[in-house]
Protein backbone atom coordinates (compact mmCIF):
# COMPACT_ATOMS: atom_id res chain seq x y z
CA MET A 1 128.00 70.22 99.84
CA LEU A 2 126.46 68.02 102.48
CA THR A 3 125.69 64.36 101.98
CA ARG A 4 122.30 63.15 103.19
CA ARG A 5 123.90 61.56 106.23
CA GLN A 6 125.82 64.73 107.12
CA PHE A 7 122.80 66.93 106.60
CA LEU A 8 120.52 64.74 108.71
CA SER A 9 123.06 64.59 111.51
CA ALA A 10 123.31 68.36 111.52
CA ALA A 11 119.54 68.76 111.49
CA ALA A 12 119.08 66.32 114.36
CA PHE A 13 121.73 68.14 116.38
CA ALA A 14 120.24 71.61 115.96
CA ALA A 15 119.02 72.31 119.49
CA GLY A 16 117.20 69.00 119.55
CA SER A 17 114.37 70.63 117.66
CA ALA A 18 112.65 70.23 114.30
CA LEU A 19 113.99 73.60 113.13
CA PHE A 20 116.68 74.03 110.51
CA HIS A 21 119.15 76.86 110.86
CA PRO A 22 118.00 79.87 108.79
CA ARG A 23 121.13 79.76 106.63
CA MET A 24 119.98 76.32 105.44
CA GLY A 25 116.92 78.01 103.99
CA TRP A 26 114.03 76.42 105.86
CA SER A 27 112.38 76.30 109.25
CA GLN A 28 109.01 75.32 110.62
CA ASN A 29 108.00 78.94 110.22
CA THR A 30 108.49 78.88 106.44
CA PRO A 31 105.19 77.80 104.86
CA LEU A 32 105.25 74.79 102.60
CA ARG A 33 104.40 75.25 98.95
CA THR A 34 100.77 74.29 98.25
CA ARG A 35 98.90 73.08 95.21
CA THR A 36 95.23 73.07 94.31
CA ILE A 37 92.95 70.03 94.14
CA PRO A 38 91.20 70.65 90.81
CA ALA A 39 87.87 69.13 91.88
CA THR A 40 87.26 71.73 94.58
CA GLY A 41 90.02 74.34 94.64
CA GLU A 42 91.18 73.18 98.08
CA GLU A 43 94.86 73.94 98.72
CA VAL A 44 97.07 71.23 100.20
CA PRO A 45 100.80 71.18 101.08
CA VAL A 46 102.99 69.46 98.51
CA ILE A 47 104.84 67.33 101.07
CA GLY A 48 102.77 64.49 102.49
CA MET A 49 103.78 61.22 104.07
CA GLY A 50 103.13 57.52 103.58
CA THR A 51 102.82 54.80 106.20
CA SER A 52 103.75 51.61 104.34
CA GLY A 53 106.54 49.95 106.30
CA SER A 54 107.25 52.91 108.54
CA PHE A 55 104.03 52.58 110.59
CA GLU A 56 103.94 48.79 110.57
CA VAL A 57 105.49 48.54 114.03
CA ARG A 58 104.64 46.93 117.34
CA PRO A 59 102.68 49.25 119.67
CA GLY A 60 104.79 50.28 122.64
CA SER A 61 108.06 49.47 120.88
CA ALA A 62 110.91 51.96 120.52
CA GLU A 63 109.95 52.45 116.86
CA PHE A 64 106.37 53.16 117.90
CA GLN A 65 107.44 55.84 120.38
CA VAL A 66 109.61 57.58 117.77
CA LEU A 67 106.64 57.87 115.42
CA SER A 68 105.05 60.43 117.73
CA GLU A 69 107.98 62.74 116.98
CA VAL A 70 107.75 61.94 113.27
CA LEU A 71 104.11 63.08 113.33
CA ARG A 72 104.87 66.13 115.46
CA ARG A 73 107.52 67.34 113.03
CA PHE A 74 105.22 66.66 110.10
CA PHE A 75 102.33 68.74 111.39
CA ASP A 76 104.49 71.45 112.98
CA GLY A 77 106.28 71.76 109.64
CA GLY A 78 103.00 72.32 107.79
CA GLY A 79 102.26 68.82 106.49
CA ARG A 80 98.70 67.53 106.21
CA ILE A 81 98.38 64.60 103.77
CA ILE A 82 98.94 61.15 105.26
CA ASP A 83 98.42 58.09 103.07
CA THR A 84 97.72 54.63 104.48
CA ALA A 85 95.80 51.42 103.71
CA PRO A 86 94.08 48.58 105.60
CA THR A 87 96.50 46.13 103.95
CA TYR A 88 99.59 47.85 105.35
CA SER A 89 99.64 45.37 108.22
CA ASN A 90 98.74 47.36 111.39
CA ALA A 91 99.64 50.81 110.02
CA GLU A 92 96.07 52.12 110.35
CA ASP A 93 95.91 50.98 113.99
CA VAL A 94 99.25 52.61 114.80
CA LEU A 95 98.33 55.85 113.07
CA GLY A 96 94.94 55.90 114.79
CA GLU A 97 96.55 55.47 118.18
CA LEU A 98 99.23 58.10 117.69
CA LEU A 99 97.29 60.99 116.14
CA THR A 100 96.50 63.69 118.69
CA ASP A 101 93.19 65.53 118.72
CA GLU A 102 94.83 68.60 117.20
CA GLN A 103 96.48 66.52 114.48
CA ARG A 104 93.12 64.92 113.64
CA ARG A 105 91.71 68.37 113.03
CA GLN A 106 94.53 69.18 110.61
CA VAL A 107 95.09 65.90 108.79
CA PHE A 108 94.12 65.22 105.20
CA LEU A 109 93.80 61.47 105.70
CA ALA A 110 93.92 59.21 102.65
CA THR A 111 93.26 55.48 102.83
CA LYS A 112 92.13 52.74 100.47
CA LEU A 113 89.72 49.98 99.58
CA SER A 114 92.31 47.27 99.28
CA GLY A 115 92.34 43.60 98.37
CA VAL A 116 88.58 43.08 98.54
CA ARG A 117 85.96 42.11 95.97
CA GLY A 118 82.30 43.03 96.05
CA ARG A 119 80.44 45.95 97.53
CA GLU A 120 79.69 44.39 100.92
CA ALA A 121 83.30 43.35 101.50
CA GLY A 122 84.44 46.85 100.61
CA TYR A 123 81.86 48.43 102.89
CA ARG A 124 82.89 46.22 105.82
CA GLN A 125 86.56 46.99 105.19
CA PHE A 126 85.92 50.73 105.19
CA ALA A 127 83.91 50.51 108.42
CA ALA A 128 86.81 48.64 110.03
CA THR A 129 89.24 51.25 108.68
CA LEU A 130 87.33 54.05 110.40
CA ARG A 131 87.46 52.12 113.68
CA ARG A 132 91.18 51.48 113.32
CA LEU A 133 91.93 55.09 112.47
CA ARG A 134 89.55 56.32 115.18
CA MET A 135 87.92 58.64 112.65
CA ASP A 136 84.34 59.11 111.49
CA ARG A 137 85.36 60.16 107.96
CA VAL A 138 88.43 60.48 105.74
CA ALA A 139 89.50 63.02 103.16
CA LEU A 140 90.36 60.59 100.37
CA LEU A 141 89.30 56.99 99.69
CA GLN A 142 91.25 55.28 96.91
CA VAL A 143 90.81 51.98 95.10
CA HIS A 144 94.14 50.29 95.74
CA ASN A 145 96.00 48.96 92.70
CA LEU A 146 92.76 48.95 90.67
CA GLY A 147 91.44 45.92 92.54
CA ASP A 148 87.78 45.33 91.55
CA TRP A 149 87.92 48.98 90.61
CA GLN A 150 84.46 49.45 89.11
CA THR A 151 82.66 48.09 92.18
CA GLN A 152 84.96 49.71 94.71
CA LEU A 153 85.03 53.11 93.02
CA ALA A 154 81.22 53.08 92.90
CA LEU A 155 81.22 52.31 96.64
CA ALA A 156 83.71 55.11 97.31
CA ARG A 157 81.37 57.50 95.52
CA GLU A 158 78.44 56.27 97.61
CA LEU A 159 80.46 57.00 100.74
CA LYS A 160 81.31 60.42 99.34
CA ASP A 161 77.60 61.13 98.91
CA GLU A 162 77.07 60.06 102.53
CA GLY A 163 79.72 62.52 103.77
CA LYS A 164 82.13 59.79 104.89
CA VAL A 165 84.66 60.72 102.18
CA ARG A 166 85.54 64.05 100.52
CA TYR A 167 87.41 62.73 97.50
CA VAL A 168 87.74 59.43 95.62
CA GLY A 169 90.71 58.07 93.73
CA VAL A 170 92.51 55.13 92.11
CA THR A 171 96.08 53.97 92.63
CA HIS A 172 98.92 51.81 91.41
CA TYR A 173 102.65 51.63 92.05
CA VAL A 174 104.42 50.06 89.03
CA ASP A 175 105.21 51.22 85.50
CA SER A 176 103.55 48.18 83.94
CA ALA A 177 100.13 49.21 85.30
CA GLN A 178 100.22 52.80 84.12
CA ASP A 179 98.46 52.30 80.80
CA GLU A 180 95.60 50.49 82.52
CA LEU A 181 95.48 53.18 85.19
CA ALA A 182 95.32 55.85 82.51
CA ASP A 183 92.42 54.03 80.84
CA VAL A 184 90.55 53.88 84.16
CA VAL A 185 91.19 57.56 84.88
CA GLU A 186 90.00 58.52 81.41
CA GLU A 187 86.82 56.46 81.83
CA SER A 188 85.95 57.26 85.45
CA LYS A 189 87.42 60.73 86.04
CA PRO A 190 88.20 60.33 89.77
CA ASP A 191 89.20 63.25 91.98
CA PHE A 192 92.68 61.77 92.56
CA LEU A 193 95.10 59.29 91.12
CA GLN A 194 98.21 57.92 92.83
CA ILE A 195 101.18 56.49 90.95
CA ASN A 196 104.92 55.86 91.18
CA TYR A 197 107.16 58.64 89.91
CA SER A 198 110.85 59.24 90.48
CA VAL A 199 114.04 60.32 88.74
CA VAL A 200 114.52 56.72 87.53
CA SER A 201 110.85 55.96 86.88
CA THR A 202 109.39 58.62 84.62
CA LYS A 203 106.88 56.66 82.53
CA ALA A 204 104.04 58.64 84.15
CA GLU A 205 105.20 61.65 82.12
CA GLU A 206 104.19 59.93 78.89
CA ARG A 207 100.43 59.70 79.40
CA LEU A 208 99.22 59.71 83.00
CA LEU A 209 100.44 63.11 84.14
CA PRO A 210 99.33 64.97 80.99
CA LEU A 211 95.96 63.20 81.22
CA ALA A 212 95.56 64.28 84.85
CA GLN A 213 96.19 67.87 83.81
CA ASP A 214 93.68 67.66 80.98
CA LEU A 215 90.95 66.09 83.12
CA GLY A 216 91.57 68.06 86.32
CA VAL A 217 92.63 65.07 88.43
CA ALA A 218 94.87 65.62 91.46
CA VAL A 219 98.00 63.43 91.63
CA LEU A 220 99.83 61.84 94.55
CA THR A 221 103.15 60.22 93.70
CA ASN A 222 104.63 57.29 95.55
CA ARG A 223 108.04 55.54 95.44
CA ASN A 224 109.81 58.89 94.95
CA PHE A 225 113.00 57.31 96.34
CA ASP A 226 112.54 54.07 94.34
CA ASP A 227 112.19 52.16 97.61
CA GLY A 228 115.50 53.61 98.85
CA ARG A 229 117.56 52.48 95.87
CA LEU A 230 118.22 56.07 94.80
CA PHE A 231 120.16 56.65 98.02
CA SER A 232 122.24 53.54 97.47
CA HIS A 233 123.28 54.87 94.07
CA VAL A 234 124.48 58.23 95.43
CA ALA A 235 125.89 56.98 98.74
CA GLY A 236 128.95 59.00 99.70
CA LYS A 237 128.50 61.52 96.89
CA PRO A 238 127.88 65.22 97.55
CA VAL A 239 124.80 66.81 96.02
CA PRO A 240 125.50 68.67 92.74
CA THR A 241 126.77 72.22 93.05
CA TRP A 242 123.63 73.50 91.33
CA ALA A 243 121.42 72.07 94.12
CA ALA A 244 121.80 75.36 95.98
CA GLU A 245 119.97 77.11 93.14
CA ALA A 246 116.88 75.10 94.10
CA GLY A 247 117.48 75.55 97.82
CA ALA A 248 118.26 71.84 98.22
CA THR A 249 120.84 70.62 100.71
CA SER A 250 120.29 66.86 100.47
CA TRP A 251 119.63 64.13 97.93
CA ALA A 252 116.19 63.50 99.42
CA GLN A 253 115.19 67.09 98.76
CA LEU A 254 116.43 66.86 95.17
CA PHE A 255 114.51 63.64 94.56
CA LEU A 256 111.28 65.11 95.97
CA LYS A 257 111.74 68.40 94.12
CA PHE A 258 112.19 66.39 90.93
CA ALA A 259 108.72 64.88 91.32
CA LEU A 260 107.17 68.18 92.39
CA SER A 261 108.66 69.95 89.38
CA HIS A 262 106.03 68.35 87.19
CA PRO A 263 103.00 70.68 87.32
CA ALA A 264 100.52 67.77 87.39
CA VAL A 265 101.87 66.48 90.73
CA THR A 266 99.80 67.69 93.65
CA ALA A 267 101.86 66.13 96.45
CA VAL A 268 104.53 63.53 97.19
CA ILE A 269 104.06 61.00 99.99
CA PRO A 270 107.45 59.65 101.15
CA ALA A 271 107.30 57.26 104.07
CA THR A 272 109.68 57.50 107.01
CA GLY A 273 109.88 56.40 110.61
CA LYS A 274 112.80 58.70 111.45
CA PRO A 275 112.25 62.26 112.72
CA GLU A 276 115.37 63.70 111.08
CA ARG A 277 114.30 62.33 107.71
CA GLN A 278 110.85 63.79 108.18
CA SER A 279 112.42 67.22 108.66
CA ASP A 280 114.63 66.66 105.63
CA ASN A 281 111.65 65.68 103.47
CA LEU A 282 109.66 68.73 104.55
CA ALA A 283 112.48 71.03 103.48
CA ALA A 284 111.81 69.97 99.88
CA GLY A 285 108.48 71.77 100.06
CA VAL A 286 109.92 75.29 100.04
CA GLY A 287 112.05 77.28 97.65
CA ALA A 288 112.54 76.76 93.94
CA LEU A 289 111.77 73.57 92.09
CA LEU A 290 113.97 72.05 89.38
CA ASP A 291 114.09 73.47 85.89
CA ALA A 292 114.47 71.32 82.77
CA ARG A 293 118.27 71.49 82.82
CA GLN A 294 118.50 70.49 86.46
CA LYS A 295 116.06 67.61 85.98
CA ALA A 296 118.10 66.37 83.02
CA GLU A 297 121.34 66.59 85.00
CA LEU A 298 119.79 64.71 87.92
CA ARG A 299 118.56 62.00 85.56
CA ALA A 300 122.01 61.75 83.99
CA ILE A 301 123.50 60.71 87.35
CA PHE A 302 121.51 57.49 87.08
CA ASP A 303 122.24 56.69 83.43
């Protein structure tokens, strides 16, 4: 079995391309699994990407240049959903500068109303977001961490009526906020919710994810790697022998498949600024998901 480091090295070496060798089970030509947005029936790929941290780089820097390859692999591999926010430092500016015309036509761009209070402040922030992203509309506008959620969600719906937004949503990122988030979802019935969900953070299974299924709310999950701590826990360990049954060759793929194995989850949005990790993440979007036994065994590794 390959460790994440060994797998990524092999993937990066393979002809200098974004393709995996066929015997590894995935290539750019293998379509990603998709799931349906309940509000409309639109199909979206299950592997998205975030921009927090990874796109907060100095324009023109080496890290900035590498992000063009990260985006190329993402779109060539079938990805569409990119999640960002105006409060992720300069991530919106960087993303807006790097997206090509063709990528703009493909992207399902999700951003947020973040850290503002009042309708006018939210409206001004969204106008600035469009300028920074170099877009005239976005696919999804979310109220970040429930900040001033009633006012900002009403504004998001106004913008949806104006054709500036296709979907509206609410977000949070910690277990302690999930009951409040569930209350808001139950009351407001947004198109999307976004919440943390990983092999070591499964509270969303108790109420939020079943509620999303009942109400027909699409779900994006963040912190699927627990901010990288999952990798620290398994450093130097080979993936379990049963990983091959799910077509997984790395820990990252197992962690993403864990989240995707819940039927309420529409897509995962792991952030990365490294091309080889982007390719590795995309590989989680094909093949089998984890059954109950495999999920339990993966959880047991972290007990």
